[in-house]
Amino acid sequence: MIIVSVLRQVDDSIVGFKVSGHANYADHGKDIVCAGVSAITVGTVNSIEELAGVAMECQMKSGFLNAKLPADVKTEASDQVQLLLSSMVVMLKSIEDSYGTYIQIQNVII
């Protein structure tokens, strides 16, 4: 199962996320759940850097992605970053709604 931990502050703003595990929905290379989650999460990290100019601190290996915002995100980029991260959560919840046996999303207050 894929576990997505969305890291939030008390004010509900998202400061990062962690994805771990494998869906095991299908054989490697045919697993649409893993592919969808990977495309959404990696695409979000790339979009934040390209569109908002903010490079997330990332660690990635097979079945694992840990991405955190740097502490010095400029105020003008913050709204864009929050919109992109919130959009990621909406997309992942769509996958969870259809394939909940293979993915779980949890909010973690830090």
PDB file of N, CA and C in Angstrom:
ATOM      1  N   MET A   1       0.833  -1.176   0.000  1.00  0.00           N
ATOM      2  CA  MET A   1       0.000   0.000   0.000  1.00  0.00           C
ATOM      3  C   MET A   1       0.883   1.247   0.000  1.00  0.00           C
ATOM      4  N   ILE A   2       0.423   2.251  -0.715  1.00  0.00           N
ATOM      5  CA  ILE A   2       1.097   3.551  -0.718  1.00  0.00           C
ATOM      6  C   ILE A   2       0.499   4.391   0.402  1.00  0.00           C
ATOM      7  N   ILE A   3       1.370   4.961   1.222  1.00  0.00           N
ATOM      8  CA  ILE A   3       0.950   5.887   2.278  1.00  0.00           C
ATOM      9  C   ILE A   3       1.447   7.279   1.899  1.00  0.00           C
ATOM     10  N   VAL A   4       0.529   8.220   1.813  1.00  0.00           N
ATOM     11  CA  VAL A   4       0.880   9.612   1.549  1.00  0.00           C
ATOM     12  C   VAL A   4       0.614  10.396   2.822  1.00  0.00           C
ATOM     13  N   SER A   5       1.655  10.965   3.390  1.00  0.00           N
ATOM     14  CA  SER A   5       1.537  11.818   4.575  1.00  0.00           C
ATOM     15  C   SER A   5       1.686  13.260   4.127  1.00  0.00           C
ATOM     16  N   VAL A   6       0.623  14.031   4.292  1.00  0.00           N
ATOM     17  CA  VAL A   6       0.644  15.449   3.950  1.00  0.00           C
ATOM     18  C   VAL A   6       0.995  16.209   5.217  1.00  0.00           C
ATOM     19  N   LEU A   7       2.122  16.899   5.193  1.00  0.00           N
ATOM     20  CA  LEU A   7       2.625  17.608   6.366  1.00  0.00           C
ATOM     21  C   LEU A   7       2.028  19.008   6.413  1.00  0.00           C
ATOM     22  N   ARG A   8       1.274  19.268   7.480  1.00  0.00           N
ATOM     23  CA  ARG A   8       0.560  20.537   7.606  1.00  0.00           C
ATOM     24  C   ARG A   8       0.936  21.248   8.903  1.00  0.00           C
ATOM     25  N   GLN A   9       0.870  22.562   8.841  1.00  0.00           N
ATOM     26  CA  GLN A   9       1.022  23.353  10.056  1.00  0.00           C
ATOM     27  C   GLN A   9      -0.357  23.497  10.696  1.00  0.00           C
ATOM     28  N   VAL A  10      -0.401  24.050  11.889  1.00  0.00           N
ATOM     29  CA  VAL A  10      -1.662  24.207  12.617  1.00  0.00           C
ATOM     30  C   VAL A  10      -2.659  25.038  11.817  1.00  0.00           C
ATOM     31  N   ASP A  11      -2.176  25.987  11.014  1.00  0.00           N
ATOM     32  CA  ASP A  11      -3.069  26.825  10.200  1.00  0.00           C
ATOM     33  C   ASP A  11      -3.550  26.116   8.934  1.00  0.00           C
ATOM     34  N   ASP A  12      -3.255  24.828   8.792  1.00  0.00           N
ATOM     35  CA  ASP A  12      -3.660  23.951   7.691  1.00  0.00           C
ATOM     36  C   ASP A  12      -2.812  24.128   6.428  1.00  0.00           C
ATOM     37  N   SER A  13      -1.829  25.017   6.449  1.00  0.00           N
ATOM     38  CA  SER A  13      -0.965  25.161   5.275  1.00  0.00           C
ATOM     39  C   SER A  13      -0.085  23.914   5.144  1.00  0.00           C
ATOM     40  N   ILE A  14       0.212  23.566   3.914  1.00  0.00           N
ATOM     41  CA  ILE A  14       1.011  22.379   3.625  1.00  0.00           C
ATOM     42  C   ILE A  14       2.473  22.791   3.525  1.00  0.00           C
ATOM     43  N   VAL A  15       3.340  22.071   4.247  1.00  0.00           N
ATOM     44  CA  VAL A  15       4.767  22.383   4.230  1.00  0.00           C
ATOM     45  C   VAL A  15       5.585  21.269   3.592  1.00  0.00           C
ATOM     46  N   GLY A  16       4.926  20.183   3.232  1.00  0.00           N
ATOM     47  CA  GLY A  16       5.626  19.084   2.580  1.00  0.00           C
ATOM     48  C   GLY A  16       4.759  17.845   2.532  1.00  0.00           C
ATOM     49  N   PHE A  17       5.348  16.773   2.016  1.00  0.00           N
ATOM     50  CA  PHE A  17       4.643  15.504   1.964  1.00  0.00           C
ATOM     51  C   PHE A  17       5.645  14.368   1.859  1.00  0.00           C
ATOM     52  N   LYS A  18       5.193  13.193   2.254  1.00  0.00           N
ATOM     53  CA  LYS A  18       6.017  11.991   2.158  1.00  0.00           C
ATOM     54  C   LYS A  18       5.166  10.895   1.535  1.00  0.00           C
ATOM     55  N   VAL A  19       5.725  10.211   0.554  1.00  0.00           N
ATOM     56  CA  VAL A  19       5.058   9.089  -0.105  1.00  0.00           C
ATOM     57  C   VAL A  19       5.936   7.867   0.107  1.00  0.00           C
ATOM     58  N   SER A  20       5.339   6.793   0.617  1.00  0.00           N
ATOM     59  CA  SER A  20       6.135   5.589   0.824  1.00  0.00           C
ATOM     60  C   SER A  20       5.307   4.347   0.505  1.00  0.00           C
ATOM     61  N   GLY A  21       6.002   3.330   0.033  1.00  0.00           N
ATOM     62  CA  GLY A  21       5.369   2.053  -0.259  1.00  0.00           C
ATOM     63  C   GLY A  21       5.060   1.856  -1.733  1.00  0.00           C
ATOM     64  N   HIS A  22       4.528   0.691  -2.013  1.00  0.00           N
ATOM     65  CA  HIS A  22       4.127   0.326  -3.370  1.00  0.00           C
ATOM     66  C   HIS A  22       2.672  -0.100  -3.335  1.00  0.00           C
ATOM     67  N   ALA A  23       1.923   0.223  -4.357  1.00  0.00           N
ATOM     68  CA  ALA A  23       0.502  -0.109  -4.401  1.00  0.00           C
ATOM     69  C   ALA A  23       0.281  -1.610  -4.539  1.00  0.00           C
ATOM     70  N   ASN A  24       1.119  -2.267  -5.343  1.00  0.00           N
ATOM     71  CA  ASN A  24       0.932  -3.686  -5.665  1.00  0.00           C
ATOM     72  C   ASN A  24      -0.428  -3.956  -6.303  1.00  0.00           C
ATOM     73  N   TYR A  25      -0.905  -2.984  -7.068  1.00  0.00           N
ATOM     74  CA  TYR A  25      -2.154  -3.137  -7.815  1.00  0.00           C
ATOM     75  C   TYR A  25      -1.968  -4.092  -8.980  1.00  0.00           C
ATOM     76  N   ALA A  26      -0.793  -4.012  -9.606  1.00  0.00           N
ATOM     77  CA  ALA A  26      -0.473  -4.850 -10.766  1.00  0.00           C
ATOM     78  C   ALA A  26       1.035  -5.053 -10.799  1.00  0.00           C
ATOM     79  N   ASP A  27       1.489  -5.838 -11.766  1.00  0.00           N
ATOM     80  CA  ASP A  27       2.916  -6.088 -11.932  1.00  0.00           C
ATOM     81  C   ASP A  27       3.661  -4.774 -12.175  1.00  0.00           C
ATOM     82  N   HIS A  28       4.950  -4.775 -11.789  1.00  0.00           N
ATOM     83  CA  HIS A  28       5.818  -3.624 -12.029  1.00  0.00           C
ATOM     84  C   HIS A  28       5.743  -3.231 -13.505  1.00  0.00           C
ATOM     85  N   GLY A  29       5.564  -1.961 -13.759  1.00  0.00           N
ATOM     86  CA  GLY A  29       5.446  -1.469 -15.133  1.00  0.00           C
ATOM     87  C   GLY A  29       4.018  -1.417 -15.640  1.00  0.00           C
ATOM     88  N   LYS A  30       3.101  -2.037 -14.910  1.00  0.00           N
ATOM     89  CA  LYS A  30       1.682  -2.034 -15.296  1.00  0.00           C
ATOM     90  C   LYS A  30       0.790  -1.518 -14.178  1.00  0.00           C
ATOM     91  N   ASP A  31       1.407  -1.044 -13.118  1.00  0.00           N
ATOM     92  CA  ASP A  31       0.666  -0.614 -11.932  1.00  0.00           C
ATOM     93  C   ASP A  31       0.205   0.826 -12.112  1.00  0.00           C
ATOM     94  N   ILE A  32      -1.066   0.999 -12.470  1.00  0.00           N
ATOM     95  CA  ILE A  32      -1.594   2.339 -12.747  1.00  0.00           C
ATOM     96  C   ILE A  32      -1.702   3.194 -11.484  1.00  0.00           C
ATOM     97  N   VAL A  33      -1.859   2.564 -10.331  1.00  0.00           N
ATOM     98  CA  VAL A  33      -1.935   3.332  -9.087  1.00  0.00           C
ATOM     99  C   VAL A  33      -0.570   3.948  -8.780  1.00  0.00           C
ATOM    100  N   CYS A  34       0.472   3.133  -8.831  1.00  0.00           N
ATOM    101  CA  CYS A  34       1.828   3.657  -8.604  1.00  0.00           C
ATOM    102  C   CYS A  34       2.184   4.724  -9.635  1.00  0.00           C
ATOM    103  N   ALA A  35       1.857   4.454 -10.879  1.00  0.00           N
ATOM    104  CA  ALA A  35       2.176   5.410 -11.934  1.00  0.00           C
ATOM    105  C   ALA A  35       1.456   6.734 -11.718  1.00  0.00           C
ATOM    106  N   GLY A  36       0.183   6.665 -11.351  1.00  0.00           N
ATOM    107  CA  GLY A  36      -0.589   7.883 -11.118  1.00  0.00           C
ATOM    108  C   GLY A  36      -0.047   8.688  -9.951  1.00  0.00           C
ATOM    109  N   VAL A  37       0.242   8.006  -8.847  1.00  0.00           N
ATOM    110  CA  VAL A  37       0.765   8.689  -7.664  1.00  0.00           C
ATOM    111  C   VAL A  37       2.134   9.309  -7.974  1.00  0.00           C
ATOM    112  N   SER A  38       2.975   8.571  -8.665  1.00  0.00           N
ATOM    113  CA  SER A  38       4.302   9.096  -9.027  1.00  0.00           C
ATOM    114  C   SER A  38       4.183  10.320  -9.932  1.00  0.00           C
ATOM    115  N   ALA A  39       3.327  10.245 -10.933  1.00  0.00           N
ATOM    116  CA  ALA A  39       3.164  11.371 -11.857  1.00  0.00           C
ATOM    117  C   ALA A  39       2.660  12.614 -11.129  1.00  0.00           C
ATOM    118  N   ILE A  40       1.706  12.424 -10.241  1.00  0.00           N
ATOM    119  CA  ILE A  40       1.134  13.563  -9.516  1.00  0.00           C
ATOM    120  C   ILE A  40       2.153  14.173  -8.564  1.00  0.00           C
ATOM    121  N   THR A  41       2.832  13.358  -7.786  1.00  0.00           N
ATOM    122  CA  THR A  41       3.732  13.902  -6.760  1.00  0.00           C
ATOM    123  C   THR A  41       5.003  14.500  -7.371  1.00  0.00           C
ATOM    124  N   VAL A  42       5.624  13.790  -8.287  1.00  0.00           N
ATOM    125  CA  VAL A  42       6.827  14.326  -8.926  1.00  0.00           C
ATOM    126  C   VAL A  42       6.465  15.539  -9.785  1.00  0.00           C
ATOM    127  N   GLY A  43       5.325  15.471 -10.458  1.00  0.00           N
ATOM    128  CA  GLY A  43       4.858  16.612 -11.255  1.00  0.00           C
ATOM    129  C   GLY A  43       4.603  17.842 -10.397  1.00  0.00           C
ATOM    130  N   THR A  44       4.106  17.637  -9.188  1.00  0.00           N
ATOM    131  CA  THR A  44       3.865  18.762  -8.279  1.00  0.00           C
ATOM    132  C   THR A  44       5.181  19.401  -7.847  1.00  0.00           C
ATOM    133  N   VAL A  45       6.157  18.586  -7.498  1.00  0.00           N
ATOM    134  CA  VAL A  45       7.476  19.121  -7.117  1.00  0.00           C
ATOM    135  C   VAL A  45       8.059  19.933  -8.283  1.00  0.00           C
ATOM    136  N   ASN A  46       7.976  19.380  -9.491  1.00  0.00           N
ATOM    137  CA  ASN A  46       8.501  20.075 -10.668  1.00  0.00           C
ATOM    138  C   ASN A  46       7.721  21.355 -10.961  1.00  0.00           C
ATOM    139  N   SER A  47       6.401  21.334 -10.789  1.00  0.00           N
ATOM    140  CA  SER A  47       5.572  22.517 -11.032  1.00  0.00           C
ATOM    141  C   SER A  47       5.876  23.624 -10.036  1.00  0.00           C
ATOM    142  N   ILE A  48       6.086  23.259  -8.782  1.00  0.00           N
ATOM    143  CA  ILE A  48       6.408  24.263  -7.764  1.00  0.00           C
ATOM    144  C   ILE A  48       7.722  24.958  -8.106  1.00  0.00           C
ATOM    145  N   GLU A  49       8.679  24.182  -8.571  1.00  0.00           N
ATOM    146  CA  GLU A  49       9.964  24.787  -8.939  1.00  0.00           C
ATOM    147  C   GLU A  49       9.834  25.641 -10.203  1.00  0.00           C
ATOM    148  N   GLU A  50       9.172  25.117 -11.213  1.00  0.00           N
ATOM    149  CA  GLU A  50       9.075  25.814 -12.498  1.00  0.00           C
ATOM    150  C   GLU A  50       8.153  27.036 -12.443  1.00  0.00           C
ATOM    151  N   LEU A  51       6.996  26.898 -11.801  1.00  0.00           N
ATOM    152  CA  LEU A  51       5.993  27.959 -11.834  1.00  0.00           C
ATOM    153  C   LEU A  51       6.108  28.954 -10.684  1.00  0.00           C
ATOM    154  N   ALA A  52       6.522  28.491  -9.515  1.00  0.00           N
ATOM    155  CA  ALA A  52       6.608  29.381  -8.351  1.00  0.00           C
ATOM    156  C   ALA A  52       8.045  29.750  -8.006  1.00  0.00           C
ATOM    157  N   GLY A  53       9.010  29.092  -8.650  1.00  0.00           N
ATOM    158  CA  GLY A  53      10.411  29.410  -8.392  1.00  0.00           C
ATOM    159  C   GLY A  53      10.905  28.938  -7.039  1.00  0.00           C
ATOM    160  N   VAL A  54      10.256  27.901  -6.490  1.00  0.00           N
ATOM    161  CA  VAL A  54      10.635  27.381  -5.171  1.00  0.00           C
ATOM    162  C   VAL A  54      11.125  25.949  -5.341  1.00  0.00           C
ATOM    163  N   ALA A  55      12.357  25.709  -4.936  1.00  0.00           N
ATOM    164  CA  ALA A  55      12.924  24.359  -5.016  1.00  0.00           C
ATOM    165  C   ALA A  55      12.661  23.639  -3.694  1.00  0.00           C
ATOM    166  N   MET A  56      11.868  22.574  -3.759  1.00  0.00           N
ATOM    167  CA  MET A  56      11.597  21.788  -2.555  1.00  0.00           C
ATOM    168  C   MET A  56      12.821  20.946  -2.222  1.00  0.00           C
ATOM    169  N   GLU A  57      13.007  20.682  -0.947  1.00  0.00           N
ATOM    170  CA  GLU A  57      14.070  19.786  -0.496  1.00  0.00           C
ATOM    171  C   GLU A  57      13.535  18.373  -0.638  1.00  0.00           C
ATOM    172  N   CYS A  58      14.150  17.571  -1.506  1.00  0.00           N
ATOM    173  CA  CYS A  58      13.594  16.255  -1.832  1.00  0.00           C
ATOM    174  C   CYS A  58      14.595  15.128  -1.620  1.00  0.00           C
ATOM    175  N   GLN A  59      14.040  14.002  -1.232  1.00  0.00           N
ATOM    176  CA  GLN A  59      14.766  12.736  -1.192  1.00  0.00           C
ATOM    177  C   GLN A  59      13.874  11.746  -1.926  1.00  0.00           C
ATOM    178  N   MET A  60      14.470  10.998  -2.871  1.00  0.00           N
ATOM    179  CA  MET A  60      13.672  10.074  -3.650  1.00  0.00           C
ATOM    180  C   MET A  60      14.454   8.800  -3.921  1.00  0.00           C
ATOM    181  N   LYS A  61      13.760   7.669  -3.785  1.00  0.00           N
ATOM    182  CA  LYS A  61      14.268   6.372  -4.196  1.00  0.00           C
ATOM    183  C   LYS A  61      13.054   5.501  -4.492  1.00  0.00           C
ATOM    184  N   SER A  62      13.261   4.291  -4.879  1.00  0.00           N
ATOM    185  CA  SER A  62      12.151   3.413  -5.245  1.00  0.00           C
ATOM    186  C   SER A  62      11.143   3.305  -4.099  1.00  0.00           C
ATOM    187  N   GLY A  63       9.903   3.670  -4.388  1.00  0.00           N
ATOM    188  CA  GLY A  63       8.847   3.567  -3.397  1.00  0.00           C
ATOM    189  C   GLY A  63       8.890   4.616  -2.311  1.00  0.00           C
ATOM    190  N   PHE A  64       9.630   5.706  -2.537  1.00  0.00           N
ATOM    191  CA  PHE A  64       9.764   6.720  -1.494  1.00  0.00           C
ATOM    192  C   PHE A  64      10.033   8.096  -2.097  1.00  0.00           C
ATOM    193  N   LEU A  65       9.286   9.096  -1.640  1.00  0.00           N
ATOM    194  CA  LEU A  65       9.543  10.494  -1.979  1.00  0.00           C
ATOM    195  C   LEU A  65       9.230  11.322  -0.749  1.00  0.00           C
ATOM    196  N   ASN A  66      10.194  12.107  -0.319  1.00  0.00           N
ATOM    197  CA  ASN A  66      10.017  13.022   0.796  1.00  0.00           C
ATOM    198  C   ASN A  66      10.320  14.419   0.258  1.00  0.00           C
ATOM    199  N   ALA A  67       9.346  15.315   0.320  1.00  0.00           N
ATOM    200  CA  ALA A  67       9.513  16.666  -0.224  1.00  0.00           C
ATOM    201  C   ALA A  67       9.051  17.684   0.806  1.00  0.00           C
ATOM    202  N   LYS A  68       9.922  18.642   1.102  1.00  0.00           N
ATOM    203  CA  LYS A  68       9.589  19.683   2.074  1.00  0.00           C
ATOM    204  C   LYS A  68       9.914  21.051   1.487  1.00  0.00           C
ATOM    205  N   LEU A  69       9.099  22.018   1.839  1.00  0.00           N
ATOM    206  CA  LEU A  69       9.359  23.384   1.416  1.00  0.00           C
ATOM    207  C   LEU A  69      10.504  23.957   2.239  1.00  0.00           C
ATOM    208  N   PRO A  70      11.334  24.787   1.626  1.00  0.00           N
ATOM    209  CA  PRO A  70      12.376  25.461   2.414  1.00  0.00           C
ATOM    210  C   PRO A  70      11.721  26.474   3.356  1.00  0.00           C
ATOM    211  N   ALA A  71      12.406  26.798   4.417  1.00  0.00           N
ATOM    212  CA  ALA A  71      11.851  27.713   5.423  1.00  0.00           C
ATOM    213  C   ALA A  71      11.681  29.129   4.897  1.00  0.00           C
ATOM    214  N   ASP A  72      12.400  29.491   3.846  1.00  0.00           N
ATOM    215  CA  ASP A  72      12.413  30.879   3.378  1.00  0.00           C
ATOM    216  C   ASP A  72      11.574  31.125   2.123  1.00  0.00           C
ATOM    217  N   VAL A  73      10.414  30.485   2.008  1.00  0.00           N
ATOM    218  CA  VAL A  73       9.554  30.721   0.848  1.00  0.00           C
ATOM    219  C   VAL A  73       9.038  32.153   0.915  1.00  0.00           C
ATOM    220  N   LYS A  74       9.239  32.872  -0.166  1.00  0.00           N
ATOM    221  CA  LYS A  74       8.818  34.272  -0.215  1.00  0.00           C
ATOM    222  C   LYS A  74       7.289  34.359  -0.194  1.00  0.00           C
ATOM    223  N   THR A  75       6.784  35.392   0.425  1.00  0.00           N
ATOM    224  CA  THR A  75       5.344  35.567   0.590  1.00  0.00           C
ATOM    225  C   THR A  75       4.613  35.548  -0.741  1.00  0.00           C
ATOM    226  N   GLU A  76       5.181  36.178  -1.768  1.00  0.00           N
ATOM    227  CA  GLU A  76       4.502  36.246  -3.064  1.00  0.00           C
ATOM    228  C   GLU A  76       4.391  34.872  -3.739  1.00  0.00           C
ATOM    229  N   ALA A  77       5.282  33.961  -3.428  1.00  0.00           N
ATOM    230  CA  ALA A  77       5.223  32.609  -4.000  1.00  0.00           C
ATOM    231  C   ALA A  77       4.379  31.668  -3.155  1.00  0.00           C
ATOM    232  N   SER A  78       4.138  32.025  -1.915  1.00  0.00           N
ATOM    233  CA  SER A  78       3.466  31.135  -0.976  1.00  0.00           C
ATOM    234  C   SER A  78       2.068  30.725  -1.433  1.00  0.00           C
ATOM    235  N   ASP A  79       1.282  31.675  -1.944  1.00  0.00           N
ATOM    236  CA  ASP A  79      -0.074  31.357  -2.404  1.00  0.00           C
ATOM    237  C   ASP A  79      -0.044  30.385  -3.580  1.00  0.00           C
ATOM    238  N   GLN A  80       0.886  30.600  -4.506  1.00  0.00           N
ATOM    239  CA  GLN A  80       1.017  29.685  -5.648  1.00  0.00           C
ATOM    240  C   GLN A  80       1.399  28.281  -5.180  1.00  0.00           C
ATOM    241  N   VAL A  81       2.342  28.205  -4.270  1.00  0.00           N
ATOM    242  CA  VAL A  81       2.806  26.918  -3.753  1.00  0.00           C
ATOM    243  C   VAL A  81       1.661  26.193  -3.053  1.00  0.00           C
ATOM    244  N   GLN A  82       0.899  26.908  -2.235  1.00  0.00           N
ATOM    245  CA  GLN A  82      -0.218  26.273  -1.525  1.00  0.00           C
ATOM    246  C   GLN A  82      -1.285  25.778  -2.499  1.00  0.00           C
ATOM    247  N   LEU A  83      -1.534  26.532  -3.555  1.00  0.00           N
ATOM    248  CA  LEU A  83      -2.506  26.095  -4.561  1.00  0.00           C
ATOM    249  C   LEU A  83      -2.034  24.819  -5.255  1.00  0.00           C
ATOM    250  N   LEU A  84      -0.766  24.773  -5.621  1.00  0.00           N
ATOM    251  CA  LEU A  84      -0.235  23.582  -6.285  1.00  0.00           C
ATOM    252  C   LEU A  84      -0.248  22.366  -5.356  1.00  0.00           C
ATOM    253  N   LEU A  85       0.131  22.555  -4.092  1.00  0.00           N
ATOM    254  CA  LEU A  85       0.109  21.436  -3.144  1.00  0.00           C
ATOM    255  C   LEU A  85      -1.322  20.988  -2.840  1.00  0.00           C
ATOM    256  N   SER A  86      -2.246  21.924  -2.733  1.00  0.00           N
ATOM    257  CA  SER A  86      -3.654  21.566  -2.511  1.00  0.00           C
ATOM    258  C   SER A  86      -4.219  20.828  -3.712  1.00  0.00           C
ATOM    259  N   SER A  87      -3.834  21.241  -4.890  1.00  0.00           N
ATOM    260  CA  SER A  87      -4.248  20.541  -6.106  1.00  0.00           C
ATOM    261  C   SER A  87      -3.727  19.106  -6.108  1.00  0.00           C
ATOM    262  N   MET A  88      -2.489  18.920  -5.681  1.00  0.00           N
ATOM    263  CA  MET A  88      -1.922  17.572  -5.580  1.00  0.00           C
ATOM    264  C   MET A  88      -2.777  16.697  -4.666  1.00  0.00           C
ATOM    265  N   VAL A  89      -3.177  17.241  -3.521  1.00  0.00           N
ATOM    266  CA  VAL A  89      -3.994  16.478  -2.569  1.00  0.00           C
ATOM    267  C   VAL A  89      -5.327  16.099  -3.196  1.00  0.00           C
ATOM    268  N   VAL A  90      -5.955  17.011  -3.924  1.00  0.00           N
ATOM    269  CA  VAL A  90      -7.225  16.714  -4.593  1.00  0.00           C
ATOM    270  C   VAL A  90      -7.044  15.571  -5.595  1.00  0.00           C
ATOM    271  N   MET A  91      -5.989  15.622  -6.381  1.00  0.00           N
ATOM    272  CA  MET A  91      -5.741  14.557  -7.365  1.00  0.00           C
ATOM    273  C   MET A  91      -5.481  13.217  -6.687  1.00  0.00           C
ATOM    274  N   LEU A  92      -4.690  13.232  -5.625  1.00  0.00           N
ATOM    275  CA  LEU A  92      -4.410  11.980  -4.904  1.00  0.00           C
ATOM    276  C   LEU A  92      -5.679  11.426  -4.251  1.00  0.00           C
ATOM    277  N   LYS A  93      -6.544  12.305  -3.737  1.00  0.00           N
ATOM    278  CA  LYS A  93      -7.804  11.846  -3.145  1.00  0.00           C
ATOM    279  C   LYS A  93      -8.694  11.202  -4.204  1.00  0.00           C
ATOM    280  N   SER A  94      -8.621  11.673  -5.440  1.00  0.00           N
ATOM    281  CA  SER A  94      -9.377  11.051  -6.522  1.00  0.00           C
ATOM    282  C   SER A  94      -8.917   9.613  -6.738  1.00  0.00           C
ATOM    283  N   ILE A  95      -7.612   9.402  -6.666  1.00  0.00           N
ATOM    284  CA  ILE A  95      -7.088   8.038  -6.779  1.00  0.00           C
ATOM    285  C   ILE A  95      -7.520   7.213  -5.575  1.00  0.00           C
ATOM    286  N   GLU A  96      -7.436   7.808  -4.388  1.00  0.00           N
ATOM    287  CA  GLU A  96      -7.840   7.098  -3.176  1.00  0.00           C
ATOM    288  C   GLU A  96      -9.322   6.705  -3.231  1.00  0.00           C
ATOM    289  N   ASP A  97     -10.167   7.574  -3.769  1.00  0.00           N
ATOM    290  CA  ASP A  97     -11.598   7.270  -3.883  1.00  0.00           C
ATOM    291  C   ASP A  97     -11.843   6.043  -4.753  1.00  0.00           C
ATOM    292  N   SER A  98     -11.038   5.878  -5.785  1.00  0.00           N
ATOM    293  CA  SER A  98     -11.222   4.750  -6.708  1.00  0.00           C
ATOM    294  C   SER A  98     -10.428   3.511  -6.315  1.00  0.00           C
ATOM    295  N   TYR A  99      -9.286   3.703  -5.678  1.00  0.00           N
ATOM    296  CA  TYR A  99      -8.367   2.590  -5.390  1.00  0.00           C
ATOM    297  C   TYR A  99      -7.927   2.609  -3.928  1.00  0.00           C
ATOM    298  N   GLY A 100      -8.860   2.829  -3.017  1.00  0.00           N
ATOM    299  CA  GLY A 100      -8.559   2.992  -1.603  1.00  0.00           C
ATOM    300  C   GLY A 100      -7.866   1.810  -0.945  1.00  0.00           C
ATOM    301  N   THR A 101      -7.950   0.648  -1.550  1.00  0.00           N
ATOM    302  CA  THR A 101      -7.254  -0.525  -1.022  1.00  0.00           C
ATOM    303  C   THR A 101      -5.748  -0.397  -1.207  1.00  0.00           C
ATOM    304  N   TYR A 102      -5.332   0.450  -2.138  1.00  0.00           N
ATOM    305  CA  TYR A 102      -3.923   0.540  -2.526  1.00  0.00           C
ATOM    306  C   TYR A 102      -3.229   1.835  -2.125  1.00  0.00           C
ATOM    307  N   ILE A 103      -4.007   2.810  -1.660  1.00  0.00           N
ATOM    308  CA  ILE A 103      -3.427   4.102  -1.280  1.00  0.00           C
ATOM    309  C   ILE A 103      -4.197   4.678  -0.096  1.00  0.00           C
ATOM    310  N   GLN A 104      -3.456   5.273   0.828  1.00  0.00           N
ATOM    311  CA  GLN A 104      -4.059   5.946   1.980  1.00  0.00           C
ATOM    312  C   GLN A 104      -3.405   7.305   2.132  1.00  0.00           C
ATOM    313  N   ILE A 105      -4.225   8.337   2.290  1.00  0.00           N
ATOM    314  CA  ILE A 105      -3.724   9.696   2.490  1.00  0.00           C
ATOM    315  C   ILE A 105      -4.018  10.111   3.917  1.00  0.00           C
ATOM    316  N   GLN A 106      -3.009  10.652   4.572  1.00  0.00           N
ATOM    317  CA  GLN A 106      -3.192  11.096   5.959  1.00  0.00           C
ATOM    318  C   GLN A 106      -2.582  12.476   6.122  1.00  0.00           C
ATOM    319  N   ASN A 107      -3.208  13.285   6.969  1.00  0.00           N
ATOM    320  CA  ASN A 107      -2.673  14.587   7.305  1.00  0.00           C
ATOM    321  C   ASN A 107      -1.894  14.475   8.605  1.00  0.00           C
ATOM    322  N   VAL A 108      -0.719  15.073   8.629  1.00  0.00           N
ATOM    323  CA  VAL A 108       0.128  15.055   9.813  1.00  0.00           C
ATOM    324  C   VAL A 108       0.396  16.512  10.189  1.00  0.00           C
ATOM    325  N   ILE A 109      -0.028  16.884  11.396  1.00  0.00           N
ATOM    326  CA  ILE A 109       0.210  18.245  11.884  1.00  0.00           C
ATOM    327  C   ILE A 109       1.610  18.270  12.512  1.00  0.00           C
ATOM    328  N   ILE A 110       2.421  19.216  12.039  1.00  0.00           N
ATOM    329  CA  ILE A 110       3.784  19.308  12.589  1.00  0.00           C
ATOM    330  C   ILE A 110       3.984  20.627  13.314  1.00  0.00           C
TER     331      ILE A 110
END
